[in-house]
Amino acid sequence: MQDTAKKAKAMGFTPHELKLVNGSPTTTIKNAILDYTEKFTPDMLVCGSRGMGAMGRMFLGSVSDYLMHNCKCTVVVVKSPPAPKK
């Protein structure tokens, strides 16, 4: 997380807080993050995208998509750069 904060600062953003949200065995991570945002009401949530593609989203669901549609705060999805071609 500290590396991500350094990258954000290099792009001109100043993260005020970095939180690692853990879910319990009976709670999905997307619901744990949603519960966190409802309890602490952040101004913005930044999450990553693994880029699973349509089939992966269909079978597994997309956490970032779920958060974009269910969080009351602004959600920014950051996609990883593509892997270098061989």
N, C-alpha and C. Protein backbone atom coordinates (compact mmCIF):
# COMPACT_ATOMS: atom_id res chain seq x y z
N MET A 1 0.82 -1.19 0.00
CA MET A 1 0.00 0.00 0.00
C MET A 1 0.86 1.26 0.00
N GLN A 2 1.99 1.20 0.67
CA GLN A 2 2.86 2.37 0.71
C GLN A 2 3.40 2.69 -0.68
N ASP A 3 3.69 1.65 -1.48
CA ASP A 3 4.15 1.89 -2.85
C ASP A 3 3.07 2.58 -3.67
N THR A 4 1.83 2.16 -3.48
CA THR A 4 0.71 2.78 -4.19
C THR A 4 0.55 4.23 -3.77
N ALA A 5 0.72 4.50 -2.48
CA ALA A 5 0.62 5.88 -1.98
C ALA A 5 1.72 6.75 -2.60
N LYS A 6 2.93 6.21 -2.74
CA LYS A 6 4.02 6.96 -3.36
C LYS A 6 3.71 7.28 -4.82
N LYS A 7 3.12 6.30 -5.53
CA LYS A 7 2.75 6.53 -6.92
C LYS A 7 1.66 7.59 -7.03
N ALA A 8 0.69 7.56 -6.10
CA ALA A 8 -0.38 8.55 -6.11
C ALA A 8 0.19 9.95 -5.86
N LYS A 9 1.13 10.04 -4.92
CA LYS A 9 1.75 11.34 -4.64
C LYS A 9 2.53 11.85 -5.84
N ALA A 10 3.19 10.95 -6.57
CA ALA A 10 3.94 11.34 -7.76
C ALA A 10 3.01 11.88 -8.84
N MET A 11 1.74 11.45 -8.83
CA MET A 11 0.77 11.93 -9.82
C MET A 11 0.02 13.16 -9.32
N GLY A 12 0.37 13.64 -8.11
CA GLY A 12 -0.25 14.86 -7.61
C GLY A 12 -1.38 14.64 -6.63
N PHE A 13 -1.64 13.42 -6.22
CA PHE A 13 -2.69 13.12 -5.25
C PHE A 13 -2.07 13.00 -3.86
N THR A 14 -2.82 13.35 -2.85
CA THR A 14 -2.36 13.20 -1.48
C THR A 14 -3.34 12.31 -0.72
N PRO A 15 -3.03 11.04 -0.59
CA PRO A 15 -3.92 10.17 0.18
C PRO A 15 -3.86 10.55 1.66
N HIS A 16 -5.01 10.78 2.25
CA HIS A 16 -5.05 11.15 3.67
C HIS A 16 -5.01 9.92 4.56
N GLU A 17 -5.59 8.84 4.08
CA GLU A 17 -5.59 7.60 4.84
C GLU A 17 -5.49 6.42 3.89
N LEU A 18 -4.80 5.39 4.32
CA LEU A 18 -4.76 4.13 3.58
C LEU A 18 -5.31 3.07 4.51
N LYS A 19 -6.28 2.33 4.06
CA LYS A 19 -6.91 1.31 4.89
C LYS A 19 -6.88 -0.03 4.18
N LEU A 20 -6.55 -1.05 4.92
CA LEU A 20 -6.63 -2.42 4.43
C LEU A 20 -7.88 -3.01 5.07
N VAL A 21 -8.86 -3.37 4.26
CA VAL A 21 -10.13 -3.88 4.78
C VAL A 21 -10.13 -5.39 4.61
N ASN A 22 -10.28 -6.08 5.72
CA ASN A 22 -10.35 -7.54 5.70
C ASN A 22 -11.79 -7.99 5.89
N GLY A 23 -12.16 -9.06 5.21
CA GLY A 23 -13.49 -9.63 5.39
C GLY A 23 -13.41 -10.85 6.28
N SER A 24 -14.52 -11.21 6.85
CA SER A 24 -14.58 -12.44 7.65
C SER A 24 -14.90 -13.59 6.71
N PRO A 25 -14.75 -14.83 7.17
CA PRO A 25 -15.06 -15.98 6.29
C PRO A 25 -16.51 -16.00 5.80
N THR A 26 -17.40 -15.32 6.52
CA THR A 26 -18.81 -15.32 6.11
C THR A 26 -19.20 -14.08 5.32
N THR A 27 -18.25 -13.17 5.12
CA THR A 27 -18.53 -11.93 4.38
C THR A 27 -17.63 -11.83 3.17
N THR A 28 -18.21 -11.51 2.02
CA THR A 28 -17.38 -11.31 0.83
C THR A 28 -16.63 -10.00 0.97
N ILE A 29 -15.52 -9.88 0.27
CA ILE A 29 -14.72 -8.66 0.37
C ILE A 29 -15.48 -7.45 -0.15
N LYS A 30 -16.30 -7.65 -1.19
CA LYS A 30 -17.05 -6.50 -1.70
C LYS A 30 -18.05 -5.98 -0.67
N ASN A 31 -18.65 -6.89 0.10
CA ASN A 31 -19.57 -6.45 1.16
C ASN A 31 -18.82 -5.84 2.33
N ALA A 32 -17.62 -6.35 2.64
CA ALA A 32 -16.81 -5.78 3.71
C ALA A 32 -16.41 -4.34 3.37
N ILE A 33 -16.02 -4.10 2.12
CA ILE A 33 -15.65 -2.75 1.69
C ILE A 33 -16.87 -1.84 1.70
N LEU A 34 -17.99 -2.33 1.21
CA LEU A 34 -19.23 -1.54 1.21
C LEU A 34 -19.63 -1.18 2.64
N ASP A 35 -19.56 -2.14 3.56
CA ASP A 35 -19.88 -1.87 4.97
C ASP A 35 -18.96 -0.80 5.53
N TYR A 36 -17.67 -0.88 5.18
CA TYR A 36 -16.70 0.12 5.65
C TYR A 36 -17.08 1.52 5.15
N THR A 37 -17.43 1.63 3.87
CA THR A 37 -17.76 2.94 3.32
C THR A 37 -19.06 3.49 3.93
N GLU A 38 -19.98 2.61 4.28
CA GLU A 38 -21.22 3.08 4.91
C GLU A 38 -20.97 3.54 6.35
N LYS A 39 -20.02 2.91 7.03
CA LYS A 39 -19.73 3.26 8.41
C LYS A 39 -18.88 4.53 8.52
N PHE A 40 -17.86 4.67 7.67
CA PHE A 40 -16.91 5.77 7.80
C PHE A 40 -17.09 6.88 6.76
N THR A 41 -17.98 6.70 5.80
CA THR A 41 -18.33 7.69 4.76
C THR A 41 -17.14 8.46 4.18
N PRO A 42 -16.24 7.76 3.49
CA PRO A 42 -15.11 8.46 2.85
C PRO A 42 -15.59 9.32 1.69
N ASP A 43 -14.79 10.29 1.31
CA ASP A 43 -15.11 11.12 0.14
C ASP A 43 -14.92 10.35 -1.15
N MET A 44 -13.91 9.46 -1.16
CA MET A 44 -13.58 8.73 -2.37
C MET A 44 -13.00 7.37 -2.00
N LEU A 45 -13.28 6.39 -2.84
CA LEU A 45 -12.72 5.05 -2.70
C LEU A 45 -11.96 4.74 -3.98
N VAL A 46 -10.72 4.33 -3.85
CA VAL A 46 -9.91 3.94 -5.00
C VAL A 46 -9.69 2.44 -4.90
N CYS A 47 -10.05 1.72 -5.96
CA CYS A 47 -9.84 0.27 -5.97
C CYS A 47 -9.21 -0.13 -7.30
N GLY A 48 -8.63 -1.30 -7.30
CA GLY A 48 -7.96 -1.79 -8.50
C GLY A 48 -8.85 -2.69 -9.31
N SER A 49 -8.44 -2.91 -10.53
CA SER A 49 -9.14 -3.83 -11.43
C SER A 49 -8.13 -4.83 -11.95
N ARG A 50 -8.47 -6.11 -11.85
CA ARG A 50 -7.57 -7.14 -12.35
C ARG A 50 -7.76 -7.40 -13.83
N GLY A 51 -8.82 -6.91 -14.40
CA GLY A 51 -9.06 -7.09 -15.83
C GLY A 51 -9.36 -8.54 -16.20
N MET A 52 -10.32 -9.14 -15.50
CA MET A 52 -10.65 -10.55 -15.75
C MET A 52 -11.34 -10.78 -17.09
N GLY A 53 -11.95 -9.76 -17.62
CA GLY A 53 -12.69 -9.93 -18.86
C GLY A 53 -14.14 -10.32 -18.58
N ALA A 54 -14.93 -10.39 -19.64
CA ALA A 54 -16.37 -10.64 -19.51
C ALA A 54 -16.69 -11.99 -18.87
N MET A 55 -15.96 -13.02 -19.25
CA MET A 55 -16.25 -14.36 -18.70
C MET A 55 -15.94 -14.42 -17.21
N GLY A 56 -14.84 -13.86 -16.79
CA GLY A 56 -14.49 -13.84 -15.37
C GLY A 56 -15.50 -13.08 -14.55
N ARG A 57 -15.94 -11.93 -15.07
CA ARG A 57 -16.96 -11.15 -14.36
C ARG A 57 -18.27 -11.91 -14.27
N MET A 58 -18.61 -12.64 -15.34
CA MET A 58 -19.88 -13.36 -15.36
C MET A 58 -19.89 -14.45 -14.28
N PHE A 59 -18.79 -15.18 -14.13
CA PHE A 59 -18.76 -16.29 -13.20
C PHE A 59 -18.36 -15.87 -11.78
N LEU A 60 -17.43 -14.95 -11.65
CA LEU A 60 -16.92 -14.57 -10.34
C LEU A 60 -17.50 -13.26 -9.83
N GLY A 61 -17.92 -12.41 -10.73
CA GLY A 61 -18.39 -11.09 -10.34
C GLY A 61 -17.21 -10.15 -10.21
N SER A 62 -17.44 -8.89 -10.38
CA SER A 62 -16.38 -7.89 -10.31
C SER A 62 -16.59 -7.06 -9.05
N VAL A 63 -15.59 -7.05 -8.17
CA VAL A 63 -15.68 -6.25 -6.95
C VAL A 63 -15.78 -4.78 -7.31
N SER A 64 -14.93 -4.32 -8.23
CA SER A 64 -14.94 -2.90 -8.59
C SER A 64 -16.28 -2.49 -9.19
N ASP A 65 -16.87 -3.34 -10.04
CA ASP A 65 -18.18 -3.04 -10.62
C ASP A 65 -19.25 -2.96 -9.53
N TYR A 66 -19.23 -3.89 -8.60
CA TYR A 66 -20.17 -3.90 -7.48
C TYR A 66 -20.05 -2.60 -6.67
N LEU A 67 -18.81 -2.21 -6.37
CA LEU A 67 -18.59 -1.01 -5.58
C LEU A 67 -19.04 0.24 -6.32
N MET A 68 -18.78 0.30 -7.63
CA MET A 68 -19.21 1.47 -8.41
C MET A 68 -20.72 1.65 -8.36
N HIS A 69 -21.45 0.55 -8.34
CA HIS A 69 -22.91 0.63 -8.37
C HIS A 69 -23.55 0.70 -7.00
N ASN A 70 -22.82 0.40 -5.93
CA ASN A 70 -23.44 0.33 -4.60
C ASN A 70 -22.89 1.30 -3.57
N CYS A 71 -21.69 1.83 -3.77
CA CYS A 71 -21.13 2.78 -2.81
C CYS A 71 -21.79 4.15 -2.97
N LYS A 72 -21.95 4.83 -1.85
CA LYS A 72 -22.53 6.17 -1.90
C LYS A 72 -21.48 7.23 -2.21
N CYS A 73 -20.20 6.87 -2.04
CA CYS A 73 -19.13 7.82 -2.34
C CYS A 73 -18.62 7.60 -3.76
N THR A 74 -17.77 8.50 -4.20
CA THR A 74 -17.14 8.37 -5.51
C THR A 74 -16.19 7.17 -5.50
N VAL A 75 -16.26 6.36 -6.55
CA VAL A 75 -15.38 5.19 -6.68
C VAL A 75 -14.52 5.39 -7.92
N VAL A 76 -13.21 5.30 -7.74
CA VAL A 76 -12.26 5.39 -8.85
C VAL A 76 -11.63 4.02 -9.02
N VAL A 77 -11.73 3.46 -10.22
CA VAL A 77 -11.16 2.15 -10.51
C VAL A 77 -9.88 2.36 -11.30
N VAL A 78 -8.79 1.81 -10.77
CA VAL A 78 -7.48 1.96 -11.39
C VAL A 78 -7.11 0.63 -12.02
N LYS A 79 -6.88 0.66 -13.31
CA LYS A 79 -6.51 -0.55 -14.03
C LYS A 79 -4.99 -0.66 -14.13
N SER A 80 -4.48 -1.86 -13.91
CA SER A 80 -3.03 -2.09 -14.03
C SER A 80 -2.61 -1.93 -15.48
N PRO A 81 -1.38 -1.47 -15.68
CA PRO A 81 -0.89 -1.38 -17.07
C PRO A 81 -0.77 -2.78 -17.66
N PRO A 82 -0.93 -2.91 -18.96
CA PRO A 82 -0.83 -4.23 -19.58
C PRO A 82 0.57 -4.81 -19.42
N ALA A 83 0.63 -6.12 -19.35
CA ALA A 83 1.92 -6.80 -19.26
C ALA A 83 2.68 -6.61 -20.58
N PRO A 84 4.00 -6.48 -20.51
CA PRO A 84 4.77 -6.32 -21.75
C PRO A 84 4.63 -7.53 -22.65
N LYS A 85 4.55 -7.27 -23.94
CA LYS A 85 4.42 -8.37 -24.91
C LYS A 85 5.77 -9.05 -25.08
N LYS A 86 5.71 -10.34 -25.24
CA LYS A 86 6.96 -11.12 -25.42
C LYS A 86 7.38 -11.16 -26.85
